[in-house]
Each structure stands twice: as structure tokens, then as C-alpha cells.
Amino acid sequence: LATVQRIIHRHGGKIWAEGKVNQGAVFYFTVQ
């Protein structure tokens, strides 16, 4: 995920995540 963040930042974007224990997770990202 550290690698993913650097890739997204190099594309001028943002990445963030939301989750609940035992209820899944979602990762959001933008690319600009």
C-alpha cells in the first residue's frame, strides 16, 4: 500500500481508505 500511495501521488492524485472490522474495506483514489 505504501507503493500504491506513491504511484497515486506521482499521478497528482489522492488515495484513502475506509473500513470496519470484519465488514470489509474500500479504497478510493483519484488520478490527475
Full PDB file with SEQRES, HELIX, SHEET, SSBOND, CRYST1, ORIGX, SCALE, CONECT and MASTER records, all heavy atoms in Angstrom:
SEQRES   1 A   32  LEU ALA THR VAL GLN ARG ILE ILE HIS ARG HIS GLY GLY          
SEQRES   2 A   32  LYS ILE TRP ALA GLU GLY LYS VAL ASN GLN GLY ALA VAL          
SEQRES   3 A   32  PHE TYR PHE THR VAL GLN                                      
HELIX    1 AA1 ALA A    2  ARG A   10  1                                   9    
SHEET    1 AA1 2 ILE A  15  GLY A  19  0                                        
SHEET    2 AA1 2 ALA A  25  PHE A  29 -1                                        
CRYST1    1.000    1.000    1.000  90.00  90.00  90.00 P 1           1          
ORIGX1      1.000000  0.000000  0.000000        0.00000                         
ORIGX2      0.000000  1.000000  0.000000        0.00000                         
ORIGX3      0.000000  0.000000  1.000000        0.00000                         
SCALE1      1.000000  0.000000  0.000000        0.00000                         
SCALE2      0.000000  1.000000  0.000000        0.00000                         
SCALE3      0.000000  0.000000  1.000000        0.00000                         
ATOM      1  N   LEU A   1       0.822  -1.216   0.000  1.00  0.00           N  
ATOM      2  CA  LEU A   1       0.000   0.000   0.000  1.00  0.00           C  
ATOM      3  C   LEU A   1       0.853   1.261   0.000  1.00  0.00           C  
ATOM      4  O   LEU A   1       0.431   2.300  -0.523  1.00  0.00           O  
ATOM      5  CB  LEU A   1      -0.944  -0.003   1.205  1.00  0.00           C  
ATOM      6  CG  LEU A   1      -2.101  -0.990   1.125  1.00  0.00           C  
ATOM      7  CD1 LEU A   1      -2.931  -0.955   2.400  1.00  0.00           C  
ATOM      8  CD2 LEU A   1      -2.988  -0.689  -0.077  1.00  0.00           C  
ATOM      9  N   ALA A   2       2.063   1.187   0.581  1.00  0.00           N  
ATOM     10  CA  ALA A   2       2.976   2.325   0.503  1.00  0.00           C  
ATOM     11  C   ALA A   2       3.368   2.576  -0.954  1.00  0.00           C  
ATOM     12  O   ALA A   2       3.477   3.727  -1.396  1.00  0.00           O  
ATOM     13  CB  ALA A   2       4.219   2.061   1.349  1.00  0.00           C  
ATOM     14  N   THR A   3       3.569   1.491  -1.704  1.00  0.00           N  
ATOM     15  CA  THR A   3       3.883   1.604  -3.127  1.00  0.00           C  
ATOM     16  C   THR A   3       2.713   2.212  -3.889  1.00  0.00           C  
ATOM     17  O   THR A   3       2.891   3.103  -4.726  1.00  0.00           O  
ATOM     18  CB  THR A   3       4.226   0.221  -3.711  1.00  0.00           C  
ATOM     19  OG1 THR A   3       5.352  -0.322  -3.021  1.00  0.00           O  
ATOM     20  CG2 THR A   3       4.556   0.318  -5.191  1.00  0.00           C  
ATOM     21  N   VAL A   4       1.505   1.746  -3.585  1.00  0.00           N  
ATOM     22  CA  VAL A   4       0.314   2.282  -4.248  1.00  0.00           C  
ATOM     23  C   VAL A   4       0.188   3.785  -3.992  1.00  0.00           C  
ATOM     24  O   VAL A   4      -0.081   4.571  -4.910  1.00  0.00           O  
ATOM     25  CB  VAL A   4      -0.957   1.564  -3.751  1.00  0.00           C  
ATOM     26  CG1 VAL A   4      -2.206   2.247  -4.303  1.00  0.00           C  
ATOM     27  CG2 VAL A   4      -0.941   0.103  -4.162  1.00  0.00           C  
ATOM     28  N   GLN A   5       0.391   4.196  -2.751  1.00  0.00           N  
ATOM     29  CA  GLN A   5       0.267   5.617  -2.421  1.00  0.00           C  
ATOM     30  C   GLN A   5       1.253   6.464  -3.217  1.00  0.00           C  
ATOM     31  O   GLN A   5       0.902   7.531  -3.726  1.00  0.00           O  
ATOM     32  CB  GLN A   5       0.490   5.831  -0.928  1.00  0.00           C  
ATOM     33  CG  GLN A   5       0.251   7.278  -0.495  1.00  0.00           C  
ATOM     34  CD  GLN A   5       0.636   7.509   0.952  1.00  0.00           C  
ATOM     35  OE1 GLN A   5       1.780   7.284   1.343  1.00  0.00           O  
ATOM     36  NE2 GLN A   5      -0.313   7.950   1.760  1.00  0.00           N  
ATOM     37  N   ARG A   6       2.479   5.993  -3.354  1.00  0.00           N  
ATOM     38  CA  ARG A   6       3.483   6.747  -4.102  1.00  0.00           C  
ATOM     39  C   ARG A   6       3.127   6.842  -5.575  1.00  0.00           C  
ATOM     40  O   ARG A   6       3.344   7.868  -6.223  1.00  0.00           O  
ATOM     41  CB  ARG A   6       4.868   6.118  -3.906  1.00  0.00           C  
ATOM     42  CG  ARG A   6       5.505   6.536  -2.583  1.00  0.00           C  
ATOM     43  CD  ARG A   6       6.553   5.544  -2.108  1.00  0.00           C  
ATOM     44  NE  ARG A   6       7.202   6.009  -0.881  1.00  0.00           N  
ATOM     45  CZ  ARG A   6       6.655   5.989   0.314  1.00  0.00           C  
ATOM     46  NH1 ARG A   6       5.421   5.543   0.449  1.00  0.00           N  
ATOM     47  NH2 ARG A   6       7.304   6.415   1.379  1.00  0.00           N  
ATOM     48  N   ILE A   7       2.559   5.767  -6.113  1.00  0.00           N  
ATOM     49  CA  ILE A   7       2.130   5.790  -7.516  1.00  0.00           C  
ATOM     50  C   ILE A   7       1.012   6.811  -7.708  1.00  0.00           C  
ATOM     51  O   ILE A   7       1.051   7.610  -8.651  1.00  0.00           O  
ATOM     52  CB  ILE A   7       1.663   4.387  -7.952  1.00  0.00           C  
ATOM     53  CG1 ILE A   7       2.856   3.434  -8.049  1.00  0.00           C  
ATOM     54  CG2 ILE A   7       0.933   4.457  -9.299  1.00  0.00           C  
ATOM     55  CD1 ILE A   7       2.478   1.989  -8.290  1.00  0.00           C  
ATOM     56  N   ILE A   8       0.033   6.795  -6.829  1.00  0.00           N  
ATOM     57  CA  ILE A   8      -1.088   7.733  -6.950  1.00  0.00           C  
ATOM     58  C   ILE A   8      -0.616   9.172  -6.771  1.00  0.00           C  
ATOM     59  O   ILE A   8      -1.034  10.079  -7.511  1.00  0.00           O  
ATOM     60  CB  ILE A   8      -2.189   7.390  -5.922  1.00  0.00           C  
ATOM     61  CG1 ILE A   8      -2.767   5.995  -6.193  1.00  0.00           C  
ATOM     62  CG2 ILE A   8      -3.292   8.443  -5.957  1.00  0.00           C  
ATOM     63  CD1 ILE A   8      -3.329   5.813  -7.582  1.00  0.00           C  
ATOM     64  N   HIS A   9       0.270   9.397  -5.814  1.00  0.00           N  
ATOM     65  CA  HIS A   9       0.786  10.750  -5.605  1.00  0.00           C  
ATOM     66  C   HIS A   9       1.576  11.226  -6.822  1.00  0.00           C  
ATOM     67  O   HIS A   9       1.523  12.416  -7.173  1.00  0.00           O  
ATOM     68  CB  HIS A   9       1.673  10.793  -4.357  1.00  0.00           C  
ATOM     69  CG  HIS A   9       0.892  10.760  -3.075  1.00  0.00           C  
ATOM     70  ND1 HIS A   9       1.479  10.736  -1.827  1.00  0.00           N  
ATOM     71  CD2 HIS A   9      -0.457  10.746  -2.852  1.00  0.00           C  
ATOM     72  CE1 HIS A   9       0.531  10.722  -0.902  1.00  0.00           C  
ATOM     73  NE2 HIS A   9      -0.630  10.715  -1.487  1.00  0.00           N  
ATOM     74  N   ARG A  10       2.308  10.337  -7.465  1.00  0.00           N  
ATOM     75  CA  ARG A  10       3.047  10.714  -8.666  1.00  0.00           C  
ATOM     76  C   ARG A  10       2.101  11.097  -9.803  1.00  0.00           C  
ATOM     77  O   ARG A  10       2.492  11.813 -10.726  1.00  0.00           O  
ATOM     78  CB  ARG A  10       3.957   9.579  -9.132  1.00  0.00           C  
ATOM     79  CG  ARG A  10       5.178   9.366  -8.249  1.00  0.00           C  
ATOM     80  CD  ARG A  10       6.289   8.691  -9.019  1.00  0.00           C  
ATOM     81  NE  ARG A  10       6.818   9.556 -10.062  1.00  0.00           N  
ATOM     82  CZ  ARG A  10       7.665   9.153 -11.006  1.00  0.00           C  
ATOM     83  NH1 ARG A  10       8.053   7.887 -11.052  1.00  0.00           N  
ATOM     84  NH2 ARG A  10       8.101   9.984 -11.908  1.00  0.00           N  
ATOM     85  N   HIS A  11       0.874  10.624  -9.732  1.00  0.00           N  
ATOM     86  CA  HIS A  11      -0.132  10.972 -10.733  1.00  0.00           C  
ATOM     87  C   HIS A  11      -0.982  12.158 -10.290  1.00  0.00           C  
ATOM     88  O   HIS A  11      -2.051  12.410 -10.859  1.00  0.00           O  
ATOM     89  CB  HIS A  11      -1.035   9.774 -11.010  1.00  0.00           C  
ATOM     90  CG  HIS A  11      -0.408   8.725 -11.884  1.00  0.00           C  
ATOM     91  ND1 HIS A  11       0.498   7.807 -11.411  1.00  0.00           N  
ATOM     92  CD2 HIS A  11      -0.537   8.481 -13.215  1.00  0.00           C  
ATOM     93  CE1 HIS A  11       0.872   7.020 -12.401  1.00  0.00           C  
ATOM     94  NE2 HIS A  11       0.282   7.413 -13.501  1.00  0.00           N  
ATOM     95  N   GLY A  12      -0.517  12.876  -9.275  1.00  0.00           N  
ATOM     96  CA  GLY A  12      -1.233  14.058  -8.814  1.00  0.00           C  
ATOM     97  C   GLY A  12      -2.550  13.742  -8.127  1.00  0.00           C  
ATOM     98  O   GLY A  12      -3.417  14.613  -7.992  1.00  0.00           O  
ATOM     99  N   GLY A  13      -2.715  12.498  -7.700  1.00  0.00           N  
ATOM    100  CA  GLY A  13      -3.977  12.096  -7.101  1.00  0.00           C  
ATOM    101  C   GLY A  13      -3.899  11.899  -5.607  1.00  0.00           C  
ATOM    102  O   GLY A  13      -2.876  12.162  -4.963  1.00  0.00           O  
ATOM    103  N   LYS A  14      -4.990  11.409  -5.052  1.00  0.00           N  
ATOM    104  CA  LYS A  14      -5.081  11.117  -3.629  1.00  0.00           C  
ATOM    105  C   LYS A  14      -5.601   9.696  -3.454  1.00  0.00           C  
ATOM    106  O   LYS A  14      -6.314   9.172  -4.318  1.00  0.00           O  
ATOM    107  CB  LYS A  14      -6.033  12.099  -2.934  1.00  0.00           C  
ATOM    108  CG  LYS A  14      -5.576  13.552  -2.975  1.00  0.00           C  
ATOM    109  CD  LYS A  14      -6.595  14.449  -2.281  1.00  0.00           C  
ATOM    110  CE  LYS A  14      -6.164  15.911  -2.326  1.00  0.00           C  
ATOM    111  NZ  LYS A  14      -7.160  16.798  -1.668  1.00  0.00           N  
ATOM    112  N   ILE A  15      -5.273   9.084  -2.330  1.00  0.00           N  
ATOM    113  CA  ILE A  15      -5.794   7.763  -2.008  1.00  0.00           C  
ATOM    114  C   ILE A  15      -6.139   7.730  -0.526  1.00  0.00           C  
ATOM    115  O   ILE A  15      -5.408   8.281   0.307  1.00  0.00           O  
ATOM    116  CB  ILE A  15      -4.789   6.652  -2.374  1.00  0.00           C  
ATOM    117  CG1 ILE A  15      -5.390   5.269  -2.071  1.00  0.00           C  
ATOM    118  CG2 ILE A  15      -3.452   6.836  -1.657  1.00  0.00           C  
ATOM    119  CD1 ILE A  15      -4.615   4.124  -2.671  1.00  0.00           C  
ATOM    120  N   TRP A  16      -7.262   7.113  -0.213  1.00  0.00           N  
ATOM    121  CA  TRP A  16      -7.673   6.987   1.177  1.00  0.00           C  
ATOM    122  C   TRP A  16      -8.523   5.718   1.311  1.00  0.00           C  
ATOM    123  O   TRP A  16      -8.906   5.102   0.304  1.00  0.00           O  
ATOM    124  CB  TRP A  16      -8.433   8.221   1.650  1.00  0.00           C  
ATOM    125  CG  TRP A  16      -9.742   8.485   0.969  1.00  0.00           C  
ATOM    126  CD1 TRP A  16     -10.993   8.191   1.437  1.00  0.00           C  
ATOM    127  CD2 TRP A  16      -9.943   9.146  -0.297  1.00  0.00           C  
ATOM    128  NE1 TRP A  16     -11.959   8.606   0.555  1.00  0.00           N  
ATOM    129  CE2 TRP A  16     -11.339   9.189  -0.522  1.00  0.00           C  
ATOM    130  CE3 TRP A  16      -9.096   9.688  -1.262  1.00  0.00           C  
ATOM    131  CZ2 TRP A  16     -11.907   9.755  -1.669  1.00  0.00           C  
ATOM    132  CZ3 TRP A  16      -9.633  10.247  -2.406  1.00  0.00           C  
ATOM    133  CH2 TRP A  16     -11.024  10.279  -2.612  1.00  0.00           C  
ATOM    134  N   ALA A  17      -8.775   5.332   2.519  1.00  0.00           N  
ATOM    135  CA  ALA A  17      -9.481   4.067   2.752  1.00  0.00           C  
ATOM    136  C   ALA A  17     -10.472   4.207   3.891  1.00  0.00           C  
ATOM    137  O   ALA A  17     -10.313   5.031   4.790  1.00  0.00           O  
ATOM    138  CB  ALA A  17      -8.482   2.951   3.066  1.00  0.00           C  
ATOM    139  N   GLU A  18     -11.507   3.376   3.845  1.00  0.00           N  
ATOM    140  CA  GLU A  18     -12.490   3.270   4.912  1.00  0.00           C  
ATOM    141  C   GLU A  18     -12.731   1.791   5.182  1.00  0.00           C  
ATOM    142  O   GLU A  18     -12.694   0.971   4.265  1.00  0.00           O  
ATOM    143  CB  GLU A  18     -13.812   3.945   4.515  1.00  0.00           C  
ATOM    144  CG  GLU A  18     -13.689   5.438   4.260  1.00  0.00           C  
ATOM    145  CD  GLU A  18     -14.982   6.037   3.718  1.00  0.00           C  
ATOM    146  OE1 GLU A  18     -15.941   5.255   3.487  1.00  0.00           O  
ATOM    147  OE2 GLU A  18     -15.032   7.257   3.510  1.00  0.00           O  
ATOM    148  N   GLY A  19     -12.955   1.449   6.427  1.00  0.00           N  
ATOM    149  CA  GLY A  19     -13.193   0.051   6.741  1.00  0.00           C  
ATOM    150  C   GLY A  19     -13.883  -0.140   8.071  1.00  0.00           C  
ATOM    151  O   GLY A  19     -13.941   0.764   8.909  1.00  0.00           O  
ATOM    152  N   LYS A  20     -14.417  -1.347   8.251  1.00  0.00           N  
ATOM    153  CA  LYS A  20     -14.984  -1.782   9.523  1.00  0.00           C  
ATOM    154  C   LYS A  20     -14.500  -3.204   9.775  1.00  0.00           C  
ATOM    155  O   LYS A  20     -14.432  -4.016   8.842  1.00  0.00           O  
ATOM    156  CB  LYS A  20     -16.509  -1.745   9.494  1.00  0.00           C  
ATOM    157  CG  LYS A  20     -17.104  -0.347   9.438  1.00  0.00           C  
ATOM    158  CD  LYS A  20     -18.624  -0.403   9.510  1.00  0.00           C  
ATOM    159  CE  LYS A  20     -19.230   1.001   9.490  1.00  0.00           C  
ATOM    160  NZ  LYS A  20     -20.718   0.949   9.554  1.00  0.00           N  
ATOM    161  N   VAL A  21     -14.153  -3.493  10.996  1.00  0.00           N  
ATOM    162  CA  VAL A  21     -13.636  -4.815  11.342  1.00  0.00           C  
ATOM    163  C   VAL A  21     -14.654  -5.891  10.974  1.00  0.00           C  
ATOM    164  O   VAL A  21     -15.829  -5.806  11.340  1.00  0.00           O  
ATOM    165  CB  VAL A  21     -13.293  -4.891  12.842  1.00  0.00           C  
ATOM    166  CG1 VAL A  21     -12.841  -6.306  13.216  1.00  0.00           C  
ATOM    167  CG2 VAL A  21     -12.202  -3.882  13.183  1.00  0.00           C  
ATOM    168  N   ASN A  22     -14.182  -6.855  10.186  1.00  0.00           N  
ATOM    169  CA  ASN A  22     -14.991  -7.996   9.724  1.00  0.00           C  
ATOM    170  C   ASN A  22     -16.155  -7.600   8.829  1.00  0.00           C  
ATOM    171  O   ASN A  22     -17.039  -8.425   8.553  1.00  0.00           O  
ATOM    172  CB  ASN A  22     -15.530  -8.808  10.912  1.00  0.00           C  
ATOM    173  CG  ASN A  22     -14.423  -9.452  11.720  1.00  0.00           C  
ATOM    174  OD1 ASN A  22     -13.423  -9.911  11.174  1.00  0.00           O  
ATOM    175  ND2 ASN A  22     -14.586  -9.468  13.032  1.00  0.00           N  
ATOM    176  N   GLN A  23     -16.143  -6.365   8.342  1.00  0.00           N  
ATOM    177  CA  GLN A  23     -17.213  -5.912   7.451  1.00  0.00           C  
ATOM    178  C   GLN A  23     -16.672  -5.342   6.140  1.00  0.00           C  
ATOM    179  O   GLN A  23     -17.403  -4.703   5.392  1.00  0.00           O  
ATOM    180  CB  GLN A  23     -18.086  -4.872   8.153  1.00  0.00           C  
ATOM    181  CG  GLN A  23     -18.848  -5.418   9.349  1.00  0.00           C  
ATOM    182  CD  GLN A  23     -19.786  -4.387   9.953  1.00  0.00           C  
ATOM    183  OE1 GLN A  23     -20.514  -3.701   9.230  1.00  0.00           O  
ATOM    184  NE2 GLN A  23     -19.786  -4.270  11.273  1.00  0.00           N  
ATOM    185  N   GLY A  24     -15.402  -5.561   5.875  1.00  0.00           N  
ATOM    186  CA  GLY A  24     -14.859  -5.151   4.594  1.00  0.00           C  
ATOM    187  C   GLY A  24     -14.172  -3.798   4.603  1.00  0.00           C  
ATOM    188  O   GLY A  24     -14.114  -3.108   5.621  1.00  0.00           O  
ATOM    189  N   ALA A  25     -13.637  -3.452   3.441  1.00  0.00           N  
ATOM    190  CA  ALA A  25     -12.896  -2.203   3.282  1.00  0.00           C  
ATOM    191  C   ALA A  25     -13.118  -1.657   1.878  1.00  0.00           C  
ATOM    192  O   ALA A  25     -13.481  -2.398   0.957  1.00  0.00           O  
ATOM    193  CB  ALA A  25     -11.398  -2.441   3.512  1.00  0.00           C  
ATOM    194  N   VAL A  26     -12.912  -0.375   1.741  1.00  0.00           N  
ATOM    195  CA  VAL A  26     -12.976   0.249   0.420  1.00  0.00           C  
ATOM    196  C   VAL A  26     -11.827   1.236   0.305  1.00  0.00           C  
ATOM    197  O   VAL A  26     -11.563   2.013   1.222  1.00  0.00           O  
ATOM    198  CB  VAL A  26     -14.344   0.939   0.172  1.00  0.00           C  
ATOM    199  CG1 VAL A  26     -14.672   1.918   1.285  1.00  0.00           C  
ATOM    200  CG2 VAL A  26     -14.369   1.610  -1.179  1.00  0.00           C  
ATOM    201  N   PHE A  27     -11.117   1.157  -0.818  1.00  0.00           N  
ATOM    202  CA  PHE A  27     -10.012   2.061  -1.111  1.00  0.00           C  
ATOM    203  C   PHE A  27     -10.426   2.972  -2.254  1.00  0.00           C  
ATOM    204  O   PHE A  27     -10.859   2.497  -3.312  1.00  0.00           O  
ATOM    205  CB  PHE A  27      -8.753   1.280  -1.496  1.00  0.00           C  
ATOM    206  CG  PHE A  27      -8.086   0.620  -0.319  1.00  0.00           C  
ATOM    207  CD1 PHE A  27      -8.562  -0.587   0.171  1.00  0.00           C  
ATOM    208  CD2 PHE A  27      -6.998   1.212   0.302  1.00  0.00           C  
ATOM    209  CE1 PHE A  27      -7.961  -1.195   1.266  1.00  0.00           C  
ATOM    210  CE2 PHE A  27      -6.391   0.619   1.396  1.00  0.00           C  
ATOM    211  CZ  PHE A  27      -6.878  -0.591   1.880  1.00  0.00           C  
ATOM    212  N   TYR A  28     -10.294   4.275  -2.027  1.00  0.00           N  
ATOM    213  CA  TYR A  28     -10.630   5.276  -3.030  1.00  0.00           C  
ATOM    214  C   TYR A  28      -9.343   5.914  -3.558  1.00  0.00           C  
ATOM    215  O   TYR A  28      -8.388   6.105  -2.805  1.00  0.00           O  
ATOM    216  CB  TYR A  28     -11.496   6.388  -2.427  1.00  0.00           C  
ATOM    217  CG  TYR A  28     -12.775   5.937  -1.780  1.00  0.00           C  
ATOM    218  CD1 TYR A  28     -12.827   5.665  -0.410  1.00  0.00           C  
ATOM    219  CD2 TYR A  28     -13.945   5.805  -2.520  1.00  0.00           C  
ATOM    220  CE1 TYR A  28     -14.009   5.264   0.198  1.00  0.00           C  
ATOM    221  CE2 TYR A  28     -15.126   5.411  -1.913  1.00  0.00           C  
ATOM    222  CZ  TYR A  28     -15.153   5.140  -0.556  1.00  0.00           C  
ATOM    223  OH  TYR A  28     -16.314   4.752   0.051  1.00  0.00           O  
ATOM    224  N   PHE A  29      -9.336   6.270  -4.847  1.00  0.00           N  
ATOM    225  CA  PHE A  29      -8.189   7.021  -5.369  1.00  0.00           C  
ATOM    226  C   PHE A  29      -8.608   7.876  -6.557  1.00  0.00           C  
ATOM    227  O   PHE A  29      -9.578   7.569  -7.258  1.00  0.00           O  
ATOM    228  CB  PHE A  29      -7.032   6.091  -5.750  1.00  0.00           C  
ATOM    229  CG  PHE A  29      -7.303   5.166  -6.908  1.00  0.00           C  
ATOM    230  CD1 PHE A  29      -6.981   5.544  -8.218  1.00  0.00           C  
ATOM    231  CD2 PHE A  29      -7.867   3.915  -6.702  1.00  0.00           C  
ATOM    232  CE1 PHE A  29      -7.216   4.697  -9.278  1.00  0.00           C  
ATOM    233  CE2 PHE A  29      -8.106   3.054  -7.761  1.00  0.00           C  
ATOM    234  CZ  PHE A  29      -7.778   3.444  -9.060  1.00  0.00           C  
ATOM    235  N   THR A  30      -7.871   8.957  -6.742  1.00  0.00           N  
ATOM    236  CA  THR A  30      -8.056   9.835  -7.891  1.00  0.00           C  
ATOM    237  C   THR A  30      -6.763   9.870  -8.699  1.00  0.00           C  
ATOM    238  O   THR A  30      -5.687   9.565  -8.165  1.00  0.00           O  
ATOM    239  CB  THR A  30      -8.426  11.268  -7.461  1.00  0.00           C  
ATOM    240  OG1 THR A  30      -7.349  11.816  -6.674  1.00  0.00           O  
ATOM    241  CG2 THR A  30      -9.704  11.279  -6.631  1.00  0.00           C  
ATOM    242  N   VAL A  31      -6.872  10.240  -9.959  1.00  0.00           N  
ATOM    243  CA  VAL A  31      -5.711  10.307 -10.844  1.00  0.00           C  
ATOM    244  C   VAL A  31      -5.797  11.592 -11.639  1.00  0.00           C  
ATOM    245  O   VAL A  31      -6.757  11.795 -12.410  1.00  0.00           O  
ATOM    246  CB  VAL A  31      -5.664   9.099 -11.804  1.00  0.00           C  
ATOM    247  CG1 VAL A  31      -4.470   9.212 -12.734  1.00  0.00           C  
ATOM    248  CG2 VAL A  31      -5.616   7.796 -11.028  1.00  0.00           C  
ATOM    249  N   GLN A  32      -4.836  12.476 -11.461  1.00  0.00           N  
ATOM    250  CA  GLN A  32      -4.794  13.747 -12.191  1.00  0.00           C  
ATOM    251  C   GLN A  32      -3.348  14.071 -12.615  1.00  0.00           C  
ATOM    252  O   GLN A  32      -2.733  15.004 -12.085  1.00  0.00           O  
ATOM    253  CB  GLN A  32      -5.330  14.887 -11.330  1.00  0.00           C  
ATOM    254  CG  GLN A  32      -6.835  14.807 -11.051  1.00  0.00           C  
ATOM    255  CD  GLN A  32      -7.296  15.999 -10.244  1.00  0.00           C  
ATOM    256  OE1 GLN A  32      -7.021  16.109  -9.049  1.00  0.00           O  
ATOM    257  NE2 GLN A  32      -7.980  16.910 -10.900  1.00  0.00           N  
TER     258      GLN A  32                                                      
MASTER        0    0    0    1    2    0    0    6  257    1    0    3          
END                                                                             
